[in-house]
Amino acid sequence: MQRVLLAIDRLSAFAGKVGGWAIVALTFAICYEVFARYLFRAPTTWAFDVSYMLYGTLFMMAGAYTLSREGHVRADFLYRLAPVKVQAGLDLALYLLFFFPGMAALVWFGWDFFSQSFWQNERSSISPNGPLIWPFKFVIPFAAAAMILQGIAETIRAVTALRTGAWPPRLSDVEEMEVLALKQAQAARAAEAAR
């Protein structure tokens, strides 16, 4: 089971990192717009559309990745003090009561939103040569489905923690400075106690 959980974490990380490349494209698009507008007096007609589509894609695709790394906001000051089984029970209840219904609604209504746009071949009405909108709208149900998949992994972790009293391992790539400082302080105390 642990292999499956880590595979889902890797998939979420892949989706988040692919979506993260939108920031590079967004940076180039905005820089191009600024240079074209102020240096050449020739503003683009597409920069606004591209900027909100890329930013929206970046934001939505980061959701599952952030969930896989426990990066979403929560009342940590209370949660951290609770025993593992209480944390797991709280997580499980919140996933079942709020997370899954919310994400399912986002997939359901997001798909409807996308399909209407696709069949109408919807284009942006903001710029004269408006780009297609439906590829951007497809990101909504796709990102919500990725969140559901990662939510399943988190639910399995919560059930495992409820049974065993310990959280199963997860992939990680960054840590908060506070956590690193605490680990360094504990290591220093252990080294001093060993002397």
Protein backbone atom coordinates (compact mmCIF):
# COMPACT_ATOMS: atom_id res chain seq x y z
CA MET A 1 0.00 0.00 0.00
CA GLN A 2 2.88 2.36 0.80
CA ARG A 3 4.12 2.01 -2.78
CA VAL A 4 0.72 3.13 -4.10
CA LEU A 5 0.64 6.13 -1.76
CA LEU A 6 4.11 7.24 -2.87
CA ALA A 7 3.14 6.72 -6.53
CA ILE A 8 0.16 9.04 -6.04
CA ASP A 9 2.49 11.55 -4.35
CA ARG A 10 4.84 11.35 -7.35
CA LEU A 11 1.94 11.85 -9.77
CA SER A 12 0.76 14.91 -7.82
CA ALA A 13 4.31 16.25 -7.75
CA PHE A 14 4.63 15.72 -11.50
CA ALA A 15 1.34 17.54 -12.18
CA GLY A 16 2.39 20.40 -9.89
CA LYS A 17 5.82 20.71 -11.46
CA VAL A 18 4.43 20.63 -15.00
CA GLY A 19 1.90 23.27 -13.98
CA GLY A 20 4.74 25.21 -12.37
CA TRP A 21 6.28 25.80 -15.80
CA ALA A 22 3.34 28.13 -16.38
CA ILE A 23 5.21 30.67 -14.23
CA VAL A 24 8.05 30.71 -16.78
CA ALA A 25 5.64 31.24 -19.67
CA LEU A 26 3.78 33.86 -17.63
CA THR A 27 7.02 35.71 -16.89
CA PHE A 28 7.99 35.77 -20.57
CA ALA A 29 4.51 36.90 -21.63
CA ILE A 30 4.41 39.75 -19.11
CA CYS A 31 7.98 40.84 -19.90
CA TYR A 32 7.20 40.82 -23.61
CA GLU A 33 4.08 42.88 -22.99
CA VAL A 34 5.99 45.44 -20.91
CA PHE A 35 8.74 45.79 -23.52
CA ALA A 36 6.28 45.97 -26.41
CA ARG A 37 4.11 48.53 -24.62
CA TYR A 38 6.75 50.86 -23.22
CA LEU A 39 9.71 50.50 -25.58
CA PHE A 40 7.96 49.99 -28.92
CA ARG A 41 4.58 51.64 -28.16
CA ALA A 42 2.88 48.51 -29.52
CA PRO A 43 0.93 46.73 -26.76
CA THR A 44 -0.21 43.22 -27.44
CA THR A 45 -3.84 42.17 -27.70
CA TRP A 46 -3.25 38.77 -26.12
CA ALA A 47 -1.19 39.44 -22.96
CA PHE A 48 -4.10 39.88 -20.57
CA ASP A 49 -5.82 36.67 -21.69
CA VAL A 50 -2.58 34.69 -21.54
CA SER A 51 -1.69 36.06 -18.11
CA TYR A 52 -4.93 35.08 -16.37
CA MET A 53 -5.00 31.68 -18.09
CA LEU A 54 -1.42 30.86 -17.12
CA TYR A 55 -1.83 32.13 -13.57
CA GLY A 56 -5.06 30.18 -13.15
CA THR A 57 -3.40 27.03 -14.49
CA LEU A 58 -0.46 27.49 -12.15
CA PHE A 59 -2.72 28.01 -9.16
CA MET A 60 -5.02 25.06 -9.89
CA MET A 61 -2.30 22.57 -10.81
CA ALA A 62 -0.44 23.30 -7.59
CA GLY A 63 -3.33 22.06 -5.43
CA ALA A 64 -2.64 18.32 -5.47
CA TYR A 65 1.11 18.88 -5.18
CA THR A 66 0.58 21.11 -2.15
CA LEU A 67 -1.77 18.58 -0.57
CA SER A 68 0.81 15.82 -1.07
CA ARG A 69 3.37 17.92 0.82
CA GLU A 70 0.97 18.95 3.63
CA GLY A 71 1.29 22.55 2.51
CA HIS A 72 -2.31 23.73 2.68
CA VAL A 73 -3.24 26.15 5.44
CA ARG A 74 -4.74 24.78 8.64
CA ALA A 75 -4.84 25.70 12.33
CA ASP A 76 -1.40 24.18 12.92
CA PHE A 77 -0.92 25.58 16.41
CA LEU A 78 -3.71 23.32 17.72
CA TYR A 79 -3.25 20.45 15.28
CA ARG A 80 0.47 20.00 16.02
CA LEU A 81 -0.16 19.62 19.74
CA ALA A 82 -2.70 16.80 19.30
CA PRO A 83 -1.70 13.12 19.41
CA VAL A 84 -1.34 11.35 16.05
CA LYS A 85 -4.64 9.48 16.40
CA VAL A 86 -6.53 12.71 17.07
CA GLN A 87 -4.83 14.35 14.07
CA ALA A 88 -5.74 11.38 11.89
CA GLY A 89 -9.35 11.34 13.11
CA LEU A 90 -9.70 15.05 12.44
CA ASP A 91 -8.16 14.70 8.98
CA LEU A 92 -10.39 11.76 8.14
CA ALA A 93 -13.55 13.57 9.23
CA LEU A 94 -12.66 16.72 7.33
CA TYR A 95 -11.79 14.81 4.15
CA LEU A 96 -15.04 12.87 4.22
CA LEU A 97 -17.32 15.77 5.23
CA PHE A 98 -15.88 18.66 3.24
CA PHE A 99 -12.99 17.80 0.93
CA PHE A 100 -14.47 15.01 -1.18
CA PRO A 101 -17.91 16.62 -1.63
CA GLY A 102 -16.27 19.92 -2.57
CA MET A 103 -13.86 18.36 -5.04
CA ALA A 104 -16.59 16.17 -6.54
CA ALA A 105 -18.72 19.28 -7.09
CA LEU A 106 -15.75 21.00 -8.72
CA VAL A 107 -15.25 18.06 -11.09
CA TRP A 108 -18.97 17.83 -11.89
CA PHE A 109 -19.65 21.51 -12.47
CA GLY A 110 -16.17 22.15 -13.88
CA TRP A 111 -16.74 19.47 -16.51
CA ASP A 112 -20.07 21.05 -17.45
CA PHE A 113 -18.38 24.46 -17.60
CA PHE A 114 -15.64 23.04 -19.85
CA SER A 115 -17.95 21.03 -22.12
CA GLN A 116 -20.21 24.00 -22.84
CA SER A 117 -17.16 26.06 -23.70
CA PHE A 118 -15.76 23.27 -25.90
CA TRP A 119 -18.94 22.73 -27.91
CA GLN A 120 -19.35 26.48 -28.43
CA ASN A 121 -15.67 26.79 -29.36
CA GLU A 122 -15.62 29.68 -26.90
CA ARG A 123 -13.07 32.42 -27.36
CA SER A 124 -12.12 35.28 -25.08
CA SER A 125 -14.16 38.40 -25.68
CA ILE A 126 -11.58 40.64 -24.04
CA SER A 127 -9.12 40.81 -26.92
CA PRO A 128 -9.90 41.15 -30.63
CA ASN A 129 -8.30 37.82 -31.61
CA GLY A 130 -9.49 36.12 -28.46
CA PRO A 131 -7.72 32.84 -27.71
CA LEU A 132 -9.70 29.67 -27.10
CA ILE A 133 -11.04 29.48 -23.56
CA TRP A 134 -11.98 25.79 -23.36
CA PRO A 135 -8.43 24.47 -22.83
CA PHE A 136 -8.15 26.72 -19.79
CA LYS A 137 -11.57 25.62 -18.52
CA PHE A 138 -10.50 21.98 -18.87
CA VAL A 139 -7.89 22.58 -16.18
CA ILE A 140 -10.68 23.04 -13.60
CA PRO A 141 -12.06 19.45 -13.61
CA PHE A 142 -8.60 18.01 -14.28
CA ALA A 143 -7.06 19.74 -11.26
CA ALA A 144 -10.04 18.76 -9.09
CA ALA A 145 -9.65 15.12 -10.19
CA ALA A 146 -5.96 15.27 -9.27
CA MET A 147 -6.97 16.67 -5.87
CA ILE A 148 -9.42 13.78 -5.38
CA LEU A 149 -6.70 11.24 -6.20
CA GLN A 150 -4.33 12.86 -3.71
CA GLY A 151 -7.19 13.11 -1.21
CA ILE A 152 -7.67 9.34 -1.45
CA ALA A 153 -4.00 8.88 -0.58
CA GLU A 154 -4.33 11.27 2.36
CA THR A 155 -7.45 9.44 3.57
CA ILE A 156 -5.59 6.11 3.47
CA ARG A 157 -2.77 7.74 5.44
CA ALA A 158 -5.27 8.99 8.04
CA VAL A 159 -6.85 5.53 8.40
CA THR A 160 -3.38 3.97 8.75
CA ALA A 161 -2.42 6.53 11.39
CA LEU A 162 -5.66 5.85 13.28
CA ARG A 163 -4.84 2.13 13.38
CA THR A 164 -1.09 2.32 14.08
CA GLY A 165 -0.64 5.63 15.90
CA ALA A 166 2.04 6.74 13.42
CA TRP A 167 1.85 8.60 10.13
CA PRO A 168 3.03 6.60 7.10
CA PRO A 169 6.03 8.06 5.26
CA ARG A 170 5.44 10.51 2.43
CA LEU A 171 7.55 12.17 -0.21
CA SER A 172 8.96 15.55 0.72
CA ASP A 173 11.11 18.09 -0.98
CA VAL A 174 10.99 21.19 1.21
CA GLU A 175 10.61 21.85 4.91
CA GLU A 176 9.67 24.93 6.86
CA MET A 177 12.58 26.77 8.45
CA GLU A 178 11.00 26.24 11.86
CA VAL A 179 11.09 22.45 11.41
CA LEU A 180 14.70 22.54 10.20
CA ALA A 181 15.73 24.74 13.15
CA LEU A 182 14.09 22.34 15.62
CA LYS A 183 15.84 19.35 14.03
CA GLN A 184 19.21 21.12 14.17
CA ALA A 185 18.65 22.08 17.82
CA GLN A 186 17.74 18.47 18.72
CA ALA A 187 20.81 17.17 16.89
CA ALA A 188 23.02 19.66 18.72
CA ARG A 189 21.53 18.65 22.10
CA ALA A 190 22.01 14.96 21.30
CA ALA A 191 25.64 15.57 20.28
CA GLU A 192 26.28 17.53 23.47
CA ALA A 193 24.64 14.86 25.63
CA ALA A 194 26.81 12.20 23.99
CA ARG A 195 29.99 14.02 25.08
